[in-house]
């Protein structure tokens, strides 16, 4: 008779889910959210898109001639400053001008001046959106003007009464318009006025607005969150 072997197959046991430690589960969720956000951001704009910020300590010295500012560090001066003062026994005068160093460049300005200096460089607060809709003036604009002669005096300009504010810029890189800002600190409140540029930034994407005081873009924030999530996972054992 033919022989046969009877095999008994045991039923497969159901695998129970394993509960991850709370800290690992939190890191996984953070990592997934950051990866999704970074993926969307990178797909929507070029990889090099970001805000470039430079911390500085550039004095705008009285009667030192033009002080130049190269926003994107390409060796081409984008803006210049001229702080001028005169004082004698009868007359004292002080003026601070901001210029676009290249023809297409402009400074956010308003009509806060007087006489032949009606257009002045705006003293912007934090969080102002510098972009295509801002009122830019291309030629040199006054930041402040102060004049005294005998018993009379004249003072005007949005920078006379501020300790620190922002300039809004429009400038051109390789034929395309970009936007930026410079933070200016007033070191004195009476003539001769001393000031310094304590930081500046620009947006690398053409025609994209930038907010004054912004030092990094949304894509940088997403990548930072992604790195934080990855660090949390790497540290788990």
Protein backbone atom coordinates (compact mmCIF):
# COMPACT_ATOMS: atom_id res chain seq x y z
CA UNK A 1 0.00 0.00 0.00
CA UNK A 2 1.09 3.42 -0.79
CA UNK A 3 2.18 5.26 2.26
CA UNK A 4 1.53 8.88 2.88
CA UNK A 5 2.66 11.39 5.38
CA UNK A 6 0.08 13.35 7.11
CA UNK A 7 1.17 16.93 7.81
CA UNK A 8 -0.46 19.07 10.37
CA UNK A 9 -0.36 22.77 9.50
CA UNK A 10 -0.64 25.02 12.48
CA UNK A 11 -2.81 28.10 12.00
CA UNK A 12 -0.82 31.36 11.62
CA UNK A 13 -0.88 33.41 14.74
CA UNK A 14 -2.18 36.95 14.46
CA UNK A 15 0.58 39.56 15.01
CA UNK A 16 -0.34 42.09 17.64
CA UNK A 17 0.48 45.80 17.02
CA UNK A 18 3.45 47.17 18.91
CA UNK A 19 2.97 50.45 20.69
CA UNK A 20 5.88 52.83 20.08
CA UNK A 21 7.27 54.92 22.91
CA UNK A 22 5.53 58.26 23.13
CA UNK A 23 8.66 60.30 22.34
CA UNK A 24 9.43 58.26 19.21
CA UNK A 25 5.84 58.47 17.99
CA UNK A 26 5.91 62.25 18.42
CA UNK A 27 9.20 62.53 16.52
CA UNK A 28 7.83 60.40 13.68
CA UNK A 29 4.77 62.63 13.33
CA UNK A 30 6.95 65.75 13.39
CA UNK A 31 9.30 64.30 10.80
CA UNK A 32 6.43 63.29 8.49
CA UNK A 33 4.80 66.72 8.70
CA UNK A 34 8.10 68.50 8.05
CA UNK A 35 8.96 66.21 5.15
CA UNK A 36 5.58 66.89 3.55
CA UNK A 37 5.90 70.65 4.01
CA UNK A 38 9.46 70.70 2.69
CA UNK A 39 8.50 68.53 -0.27
CA UNK A 40 5.66 70.84 -1.24
CA UNK A 41 7.86 73.92 -0.82
CA UNK A 42 10.73 72.50 -2.84
CA UNK A 43 8.39 71.41 -5.62
CA UNK A 44 6.78 74.86 -5.81
CA UNK A 45 9.93 76.97 -6.09
CA UNK A 46 13.61 76.66 -7.07
CA UNK A 47 15.97 74.96 -4.61
CA UNK A 48 18.04 78.14 -4.24
CA UNK A 49 15.02 80.29 -3.28
CA UNK A 50 15.64 81.97 0.05
CA UNK A 51 16.15 85.26 1.84
CA UNK A 52 19.79 86.25 2.20
CA UNK A 53 20.45 88.27 5.38
CA UNK A 54 23.66 90.06 6.29
CA UNK A 55 24.34 91.38 9.76
CA UNK A 56 26.42 94.53 9.57
CA UNK A 57 27.85 97.52 11.37
CA UNK A 58 28.30 100.09 8.60
CA UNK A 59 28.64 103.68 9.88
CA UNK A 60 26.98 106.44 7.84
CA UNK A 61 29.56 108.97 8.91
CA UNK A 62 29.07 112.72 8.56
CA UNK A 63 30.98 114.23 5.62
CA UNK A 64 32.64 110.91 4.75
CA UNK A 65 31.41 110.94 1.18
CA UNK A 66 29.13 108.25 -0.27
CA UNK A 67 28.69 105.06 1.76
CA UNK A 68 27.84 102.17 -0.59
CA UNK A 69 25.66 99.13 0.02
CA UNK A 70 25.85 95.95 -2.10
CA UNK A 71 22.74 94.02 -1.06
CA UNK A 72 23.52 90.73 -2.82
CA UNK A 73 27.35 90.81 -2.61
CA UNK A 74 27.90 90.57 -6.37
CA UNK A 75 30.43 93.40 -6.48
CA UNK A 76 27.91 95.92 -7.85
CA UNK A 77 26.87 98.77 -5.55
CA UNK A 78 23.07 98.91 -5.27
CA UNK A 79 22.54 101.95 -3.01
CA UNK A 80 24.54 104.77 -1.48
CA UNK A 81 24.19 107.11 1.51
CA UNK A 82 25.49 110.62 1.96
CA UNK A 83 25.43 112.26 5.39
CA UNK A 84 26.25 115.94 5.07
CA UNK A 85 26.51 118.65 7.72
CA UNK A 86 27.57 122.30 7.85
CA UNK A 87 27.91 124.58 10.84
CA UNK A 88 29.26 128.08 11.38
CA UNK A 89 28.38 131.09 13.53
CA UNK A 90 25.25 131.95 11.53
CA UNK A 91 23.95 128.77 9.92
CA UNK A 92 23.86 125.07 10.66
CA UNK A 93 22.47 122.46 8.32
CA UNK A 94 22.32 118.65 8.20
CA UNK A 95 21.06 116.33 5.47
CA UNK A 96 21.02 112.60 4.89
CA UNK A 97 20.36 111.33 1.36
CA UNK A 98 19.77 107.79 0.07
CA UNK A 99 20.43 107.05 -3.60
CA UNK A 100 19.88 104.21 -5.99
CA UNK A 101 23.42 103.49 -7.19
CA UNK A 102 22.10 101.93 -10.40
CA UNK A 103 19.46 103.52 -12.65
CA UNK A 104 16.60 100.97 -12.14
CA UNK A 105 16.96 100.83 -8.34
CA UNK A 106 14.49 102.56 -6.03
CA UNK A 107 13.81 103.43 -2.37
CA UNK A 108 10.38 103.23 -0.72
CA UNK A 109 9.45 106.91 -0.36
CA UNK A 110 6.61 109.19 0.68
CA UNK A 111 5.65 112.86 0.41
CA UNK A 112 6.74 113.95 3.87
CA UNK A 113 9.23 116.62 2.86
CA UNK A 114 9.00 120.28 1.96
CA UNK A 115 10.02 122.65 -0.81
CA UNK A 116 12.40 121.03 -3.28
CA UNK A 117 12.71 117.98 -1.00
CA UNK A 118 9.09 116.82 -0.98
CA UNK A 119 9.93 113.14 -1.47
CA UNK A 120 11.58 111.44 1.50
CA UNK A 121 12.81 107.92 2.19
CA UNK A 122 10.17 106.18 4.32
CA UNK A 123 11.10 105.04 7.84
CA UNK A 124 9.38 101.63 7.80
CA UNK A 125 8.50 99.56 10.89
CA UNK A 126 8.94 95.80 11.23
CA UNK A 127 6.75 93.56 9.12
CA UNK A 128 6.09 95.95 6.21
CA UNK A 129 5.69 94.16 2.89
CA UNK A 130 8.22 95.48 0.38
CA UNK A 131 7.07 94.53 -3.11
CA UNK A 132 5.72 95.69 -6.48
CA UNK A 133 2.95 97.87 -4.98
CA UNK A 134 5.28 99.99 -2.84
CA UNK A 135 5.88 103.64 -3.90
CA UNK A 136 9.51 103.62 -5.01
CA UNK A 137 11.54 106.69 -5.96
CA UNK A 138 14.51 106.09 -8.21
CA UNK A 139 16.58 109.24 -7.73
CA UNK A 140 18.20 110.38 -4.49
CA UNK A 141 15.69 110.90 -1.69
CA UNK A 142 16.00 112.75 1.58
CA UNK A 143 15.92 110.83 4.85
CA UNK A 144 15.95 114.00 6.93
CA UNK A 145 16.72 117.67 6.69
CA UNK A 146 17.51 120.12 9.50
CA UNK A 147 18.33 123.79 9.05
CA UNK A 148 18.91 126.62 11.52
CA UNK A 149 19.66 130.26 10.76
CA UNK A 150 19.50 132.97 13.39
CA UNK A 151 16.32 132.52 15.39
CA UNK A 152 14.53 130.41 12.76
CA UNK A 153 14.80 126.69 12.19
CA UNK A 154 13.36 124.11 9.82
CA UNK A 155 13.30 120.37 10.34
CA UNK A 156 11.50 117.65 8.43
CA UNK A 157 11.83 114.07 7.32
CA UNK A 158 10.52 110.76 8.71
CA UNK A 159 13.90 109.77 10.22
CA UNK A 160 14.28 112.73 12.57
CA UNK A 161 12.21 111.22 15.39
CA UNK A 162 13.06 107.51 15.13
CA UNK A 163 15.72 105.47 16.90
CA UNK A 164 15.65 102.62 14.41
CA UNK A 165 13.66 101.86 11.28
CA UNK A 166 13.88 100.11 7.90
CA UNK A 167 14.48 101.24 4.34
CA UNK A 168 12.60 99.37 1.60
CA UNK A 169 14.52 98.65 -1.60
CA UNK A 170 13.87 97.64 -5.18
CA UNK A 171 16.93 96.66 -7.20
CA UNK A 172 17.94 94.65 -10.25
CA UNK A 173 19.99 91.45 -10.49
CA UNK A 174 20.82 90.33 -14.05
CA UNK A 175 17.91 92.30 -15.45
CA UNK A 176 15.31 91.02 -12.96
CA UNK A 177 13.71 93.00 -10.12
CA UNK A 178 14.33 91.92 -6.52
CA UNK A 179 13.23 93.44 -3.21
CA UNK A 180 15.11 93.99 0.03
CA UNK A 181 15.50 96.08 3.15
CA UNK A 182 18.15 97.73 5.32
CA UNK A 183 17.89 98.38 9.06
CA UNK A 184 19.22 101.81 10.03
CA UNK A 185 19.90 102.91 13.59
CA UNK A 186 20.06 106.61 14.43
CA UNK A 187 22.88 107.19 16.92
CA UNK A 188 22.06 110.85 17.63
CA UNK A 189 18.91 112.93 17.71
CA UNK A 190 20.48 116.32 16.94
CA UNK A 191 22.99 117.64 14.40
CA UNK A 192 25.42 116.38 13.37
CA UNK A 193 23.32 113.22 12.97
CA UNK A 194 25.17 109.91 13.14
CA UNK A 195 23.68 106.66 11.87
CA UNK A 196 24.66 103.10 11.00
CA UNK A 197 23.35 100.18 8.96
CA UNK A 198 22.97 97.23 11.33
CA UNK A 199 21.66 94.65 8.86
CA UNK A 200 20.17 94.12 5.41
CA UNK A 201 18.50 91.38 3.38
CA UNK A 202 17.03 90.59 -0.03
CA UNK A 203 14.76 87.98 -1.60
CA UNK A 204 16.47 85.74 -4.18
CA UNK A 205 13.25 85.07 -6.13
CA UNK A 206 12.60 87.84 -8.70
CA UNK A 207 9.49 89.98 -8.05
CA UNK A 208 8.76 88.23 -4.74
CA UNK A 209 7.98 90.63 -1.84
CA UNK A 210 9.94 90.57 1.39
CA UNK A 211 8.93 91.80 4.84
CA UNK A 212 11.17 94.20 6.71
CA UNK A 213 13.13 92.33 9.39
CA UNK A 214 12.65 88.96 7.62
CA UNK A 215 15.91 87.00 7.70
CA UNK A 216 14.72 83.66 6.32
CA UNK A 217 11.92 82.35 4.14
CA UNK A 218 9.20 79.71 4.67
CA UNK A 219 11.30 77.10 2.87
CA UNK A 220 14.14 77.61 5.36
CA UNK A 221 11.68 77.12 8.25
CA UNK A 222 10.36 73.85 6.75
CA UNK A 223 13.84 72.46 6.26
CA UNK A 224 14.74 73.44 9.81
CA UNK A 225 11.71 71.54 11.13
CA UNK A 226 12.70 68.55 9.00
CA UNK A 227 16.20 68.59 10.43
CA UNK A 228 14.79 68.82 13.95
CA UNK A 229 12.62 65.76 13.35
CA UNK A 230 15.54 63.82 11.90
CA UNK A 231 17.69 64.72 14.88
CA UNK A 232 15.03 63.46 17.24
CA UNK A 233 14.86 60.11 15.42
CA UNK A 234 18.64 59.76 15.33
CA UNK A 235 18.86 60.27 19.03
CA UNK A 236 16.31 57.57 19.86
CA UNK A 237 17.51 54.12 20.93
